[in-house]
């Protein structure tokens, strides 16, 4: 009888070796997915910043025609009939600036839409821009969120 005996020279993997490889692979995947999700979240912030920059440009055109800045009721006149950003991650609102007078200033804000994939971006939940181009974000500073 010729039976195969398993010796140190045997080919193949033991169960422990296989478990170690699976554990290492799981750790690498977990780190990679987390990093990728952070990258996607930061990239999606451009949806808010590009929306606000387009609103600021449209506001200047509106001001030349109407001698005042547009408010929420005038969004359709600005070309923003839909309050959402291009990809739908943020909603738009326009209000008078600190003076409270739309003939002097405005503040446009983009806020995360709660049920979208961007909703877990707690670092940059709100973006804003004024008639003078001052950019802000909450809770992180603008240099973190607008870049």
Protein backbone atom coordinates (compact mmCIF):
# COMPACT_ATOMS: atom_id res chain seq x y z
CA UNK A 1 0.00 0.00 0.00
CA UNK A 2 1.20 3.34 -0.96
CA UNK A 3 -0.34 5.91 1.34
CA UNK A 4 0.55 9.55 1.23
CA UNK A 5 2.08 10.72 4.40
CA UNK A 6 2.07 14.38 5.22
CA UNK A 7 5.45 15.61 6.17
CA UNK A 8 7.06 18.97 6.58
CA UNK A 9 7.70 18.91 2.86
CA UNK A 10 3.98 18.74 2.09
CA UNK A 11 2.60 21.26 -0.30
CA UNK A 12 -0.41 23.41 0.57
CA UNK A 13 -1.52 25.74 3.31
CA UNK A 14 -2.49 25.02 6.87
CA UNK A 15 -5.70 26.45 8.27
CA UNK A 16 -3.78 28.91 10.45
CA UNK A 17 -1.83 30.26 7.48
CA UNK A 18 -5.06 30.71 5.57
CA UNK A 19 -6.70 32.52 8.51
CA UNK A 20 -3.70 34.88 8.84
CA UNK A 21 -3.90 35.78 5.14
CA UNK A 22 -7.67 36.38 5.36
CA UNK A 23 -7.22 38.55 8.46
CA UNK A 24 -4.50 40.66 6.82
CA UNK A 25 -6.60 41.04 3.67
CA UNK A 26 -9.59 42.15 5.77
CA UNK A 27 -7.52 44.81 7.54
CA UNK A 28 -6.17 46.17 4.25
CA UNK A 29 -9.66 46.30 2.70
CA UNK A 30 -11.09 48.06 5.76
CA UNK A 31 -8.43 50.76 5.63
CA UNK A 32 -8.76 51.14 1.87
CA UNK A 33 -12.55 51.50 1.91
CA UNK A 34 -12.36 54.13 4.66
CA UNK A 35 -9.76 56.14 2.78
CA UNK A 36 -11.70 55.86 -0.46
CA UNK A 37 -14.92 57.03 1.24
CA UNK A 38 -13.08 60.09 2.62
CA UNK A 39 -11.75 60.85 -0.85
CA UNK A 40 -15.23 60.60 -2.41
CA UNK A 41 -16.71 62.81 0.33
CA UNK A 42 -14.10 65.52 -0.28
CA UNK A 43 -14.56 65.27 -4.05
CA UNK A 44 -18.34 65.66 -3.71
CA UNK A 45 -17.84 68.98 -1.93
CA UNK A 46 -17.15 70.50 -5.34
CA UNK A 47 -20.88 70.08 -5.98
CA UNK A 48 -21.52 72.78 -3.36
CA UNK A 49 -18.64 75.06 -4.25
CA UNK A 50 -19.39 75.07 -7.98
CA UNK A 51 -23.08 75.75 -7.26
CA UNK A 52 -22.25 78.75 -5.09
CA UNK A 53 -19.76 80.17 -7.58
CA UNK A 54 -22.39 79.92 -10.33
CA UNK A 55 -24.94 81.60 -8.05
CA UNK A 56 -22.53 84.45 -7.30
CA UNK A 57 -21.97 85.04 -11.03
CA UNK A 58 -25.72 84.88 -11.72
CA UNK A 59 -26.36 87.31 -8.86
CA UNK A 60 -24.11 89.91 -10.48
CA UNK A 61 -25.99 89.60 -13.78
CA UNK A 62 -29.30 89.85 -11.90
CA UNK A 63 -28.06 92.94 -10.06
CA UNK A 64 -27.23 94.69 -13.34
CA UNK A 65 -30.80 94.14 -14.57
CA UNK A 66 -32.80 94.61 -11.35
CA UNK A 67 -30.60 96.89 -9.23
CA UNK A 68 -30.87 94.41 -6.36
CA UNK A 69 -29.70 90.90 -5.55
CA UNK A 70 -32.04 87.93 -5.98
CA UNK A 71 -33.52 86.13 -2.98
CA UNK A 72 -35.02 82.65 -2.60
CA UNK A 73 -38.20 83.71 -4.42
CA UNK A 74 -36.10 84.72 -7.43
CA UNK A 75 -34.18 81.46 -7.87
CA UNK A 76 -35.95 80.66 -11.15
CA UNK A 77 -34.99 84.11 -12.51
CA UNK A 78 -31.37 83.28 -11.68
CA UNK A 79 -31.64 80.03 -13.62
CA UNK A 80 -31.84 77.79 -10.56
CA UNK A 81 -35.40 76.48 -10.64
CA UNK A 82 -34.34 73.41 -8.72
CA UNK A 83 -32.95 74.19 -5.27
CA UNK A 84 -30.55 71.24 -5.45
CA UNK A 85 -26.97 71.23 -6.69
CA UNK A 86 -26.03 69.52 -9.95
CA UNK A 87 -25.56 66.09 -8.37
CA UNK A 88 -28.21 66.63 -5.71
CA UNK A 89 -25.96 66.49 -2.66
CA UNK A 90 -26.68 70.06 -1.50
CA UNK A 91 -29.68 72.38 -1.34
CA UNK A 92 -29.46 76.09 -2.12
CA UNK A 93 -30.82 79.05 -0.18
CA UNK A 94 -30.32 82.78 -0.81
CA UNK A 95 -30.98 85.47 1.78
CA UNK A 96 -30.01 89.10 2.27
CA UNK A 97 -26.54 89.57 3.72
CA UNK A 98 -25.70 91.14 7.09
CA UNK A 99 -27.31 94.46 6.13
CA UNK A 100 -30.67 92.79 5.52
CA UNK A 101 -31.05 94.84 2.34
CA UNK A 102 -30.97 92.94 -0.99
CA UNK A 103 -29.92 96.11 -2.80
CA UNK A 104 -26.65 95.98 -0.85
CA UNK A 105 -25.70 92.36 -0.24
CA UNK A 106 -26.69 88.68 -0.26
CA UNK A 107 -25.59 85.39 1.25
CA UNK A 108 -26.03 82.13 -0.65
CA UNK A 109 -25.72 78.89 1.29
CA UNK A 110 -25.46 75.27 0.25
CA UNK A 111 -26.47 72.74 2.88
CA UNK A 112 -26.09 68.96 2.71
CA UNK A 113 -29.29 67.16 1.75
CA UNK A 114 -29.91 64.77 4.63
CA UNK A 115 -30.85 61.63 2.72
CA UNK A 116 -28.04 61.64 0.14
CA UNK A 117 -24.71 59.83 0.29
CA UNK A 118 -22.94 63.05 1.27
CA UNK A 119 -24.99 63.28 4.50
CA UNK A 120 -22.17 61.78 6.59
CA UNK A 121 -19.81 64.65 5.75
CA UNK A 122 -19.88 66.28 9.17
CA UNK A 123 -16.69 68.29 8.54
CA UNK A 124 -18.20 70.54 5.87
CA UNK A 125 -21.97 70.49 6.26
CA UNK A 126 -22.64 74.07 5.13
CA UNK A 127 -21.01 76.32 2.54
CA UNK A 128 -21.71 80.00 1.92
CA UNK A 129 -20.65 82.89 -0.28
CA UNK A 130 -21.45 86.62 -0.18
CA UNK A 131 -21.69 89.36 -2.80
CA UNK A 132 -18.07 90.31 -2.15
CA UNK A 133 -16.90 86.73 -2.73
CA UNK A 134 -16.25 85.90 0.92
CA UNK A 135 -16.41 82.12 1.30
CA UNK A 136 -17.29 80.34 4.50
CA UNK A 137 -18.04 76.82 5.66
CA UNK A 138 -19.21 75.14 8.84
CA UNK A 139 -18.03 73.60 11.10
CA UNK A 140 -14.57 73.44 9.48
CA UNK A 141 -12.88 76.61 8.15
CA UNK A 142 -13.09 77.53 4.44
CA UNK A 143 -9.49 76.60 3.66
CA UNK A 144 -10.38 73.01 4.57
CA UNK A 145 -13.72 72.77 2.80
CA UNK A 146 -13.37 74.99 -0.27
CA UNK A 147 -10.07 73.44 -1.46
